[in-house]
Structure formats: structure tokens, C-alpha cells
Amino acid sequence: MDSPADRPCRISVQRRGPLLVEGPVEVELEDGTTVVSDRFRVAVCTCRRSRRYPWCDTSHRDRERKPS
């Protein structure tokens, strides 16, 4: 039988965006602390701009709109 524990964790890489990881996940930070999310998919920040680091808060997006 193909249970979720038998399948590898899926991580989606996006150009100029977060890593999308199928959850639940545990992330070990540089200082050794661990943060946990039980959501079915989480966005892990790769730009380090997020106020909720290591979770993405979309700070990587360009906030300034370009004229049309």
C-alpha cells in the first residue's frame, strides 16, 4: 500500500519565490531551535526578508507597481 509515509517529501522550487513544501514540516533554524507547521503545504522563505521567517510572508514580491 502507498501510504504518505512511503512517499518522499515534495518540495517545489519557484524562481524568485519561496520553497513550497508538502507538510506537515519541522524546520531547524541556525540557532538549533525548531519550528513546526502542521499545514498541508508551507512556503519556506529563501530571501530572508520575511517578518515570519522561516515562513514566507511574500516580502520577496516587488511592492512598487510598474506603470502600464
Protein backbone atom coordinates (compact mmCIF):
# COMPACT_ATOMS: atom_id res chain seq x y z
CA MET A 1 0.00 0.00 0.00
CA ASP A 2 1.23 3.51 -0.81
CA SER A 3 0.88 5.50 2.42
CA PRO A 4 2.08 9.12 2.84
CA ALA A 5 4.99 7.83 4.95
CA ASP A 6 6.19 5.72 1.99
CA ARG A 7 6.37 8.68 -0.40
CA PRO A 8 9.20 11.23 -0.47
CA CYS A 9 8.55 14.77 0.71
CA ARG A 10 7.75 17.00 -2.28
CA ILE A 11 9.42 20.43 -2.47
CA SER A 12 8.53 22.83 -5.29
CA VAL A 13 11.18 25.38 -6.26
CA GLN A 14 9.99 28.72 -7.62
CA ARG A 15 12.14 31.33 -9.29
CA ARG A 16 12.29 34.40 -7.08
CA GLY A 17 9.93 32.87 -4.55
CA PRO A 18 9.68 30.54 -1.58
CA LEU A 19 10.16 26.80 -1.44
CA LEU A 20 6.75 25.12 -1.31
CA VAL A 21 6.95 22.06 0.92
CA GLU A 22 4.24 19.47 1.42
CA GLY A 23 3.56 19.41 5.14
CA PRO A 24 3.49 18.93 7.95
CA VAL A 25 7.08 20.09 8.40
CA GLU A 26 9.72 20.81 11.02
CA VAL A 27 12.41 23.37 10.21
CA GLU A 28 15.60 23.53 12.24
CA LEU A 29 16.97 27.08 12.37
CA GLU A 30 20.63 28.12 12.52
CA ASP A 31 20.49 28.53 16.29
CA GLY A 32 19.23 24.97 16.73
CA THR A 33 15.63 25.84 17.54
CA THR A 34 12.88 24.00 15.70
CA VAL A 35 9.67 25.48 14.31
CA VAL A 36 6.74 23.32 13.24
CA SER A 37 3.84 23.75 10.83
CA ASP A 38 1.06 21.21 10.51
CA ARG A 39 -0.38 22.75 7.34
CA PHE A 40 -0.71 20.57 4.23
CA ARG A 41 1.67 22.88 2.32
CA VAL A 42 4.00 25.55 3.64
CA ALA A 43 6.04 28.27 1.95
CA VAL A 44 9.58 28.44 3.30
CA CYS A 45 11.29 31.81 2.81
CA THR A 46 14.50 31.80 0.77
CA CYS A 47 15.13 35.57 0.60
CA ARG A 48 15.24 36.11 4.40
CA ARG A 49 13.06 39.26 4.11
CA SER A 50 10.06 37.66 5.80
CA ARG A 51 8.96 39.01 9.17
CA ARG A 52 7.69 35.47 9.88
CA TYR A 53 10.95 33.74 8.89
CA PRO A 54 11.34 30.84 8.13
CA TRP A 55 7.79 31.05 6.78
CA CYS A 56 7.24 33.19 3.70
CA ASP A 57 5.08 36.30 4.06
CA THR A 58 5.52 37.34 0.37
CA SER A 59 8.11 40.01 1.22
CA HIS A 60 10.06 38.85 -1.83
CA ARG A 61 7.47 40.43 -4.13
CA ASP A 62 8.14 43.79 -5.68
CA ARG A 63 5.89 46.18 -3.75
CA GLU A 64 6.19 49.00 -6.27
CA ARG A 65 3.77 48.77 -9.20
CA LYS A 66 5.18 49.50 -12.62
CA PRO A 67 3.27 52.00 -14.76
CA SER A 68 1.16 50.43 -17.53
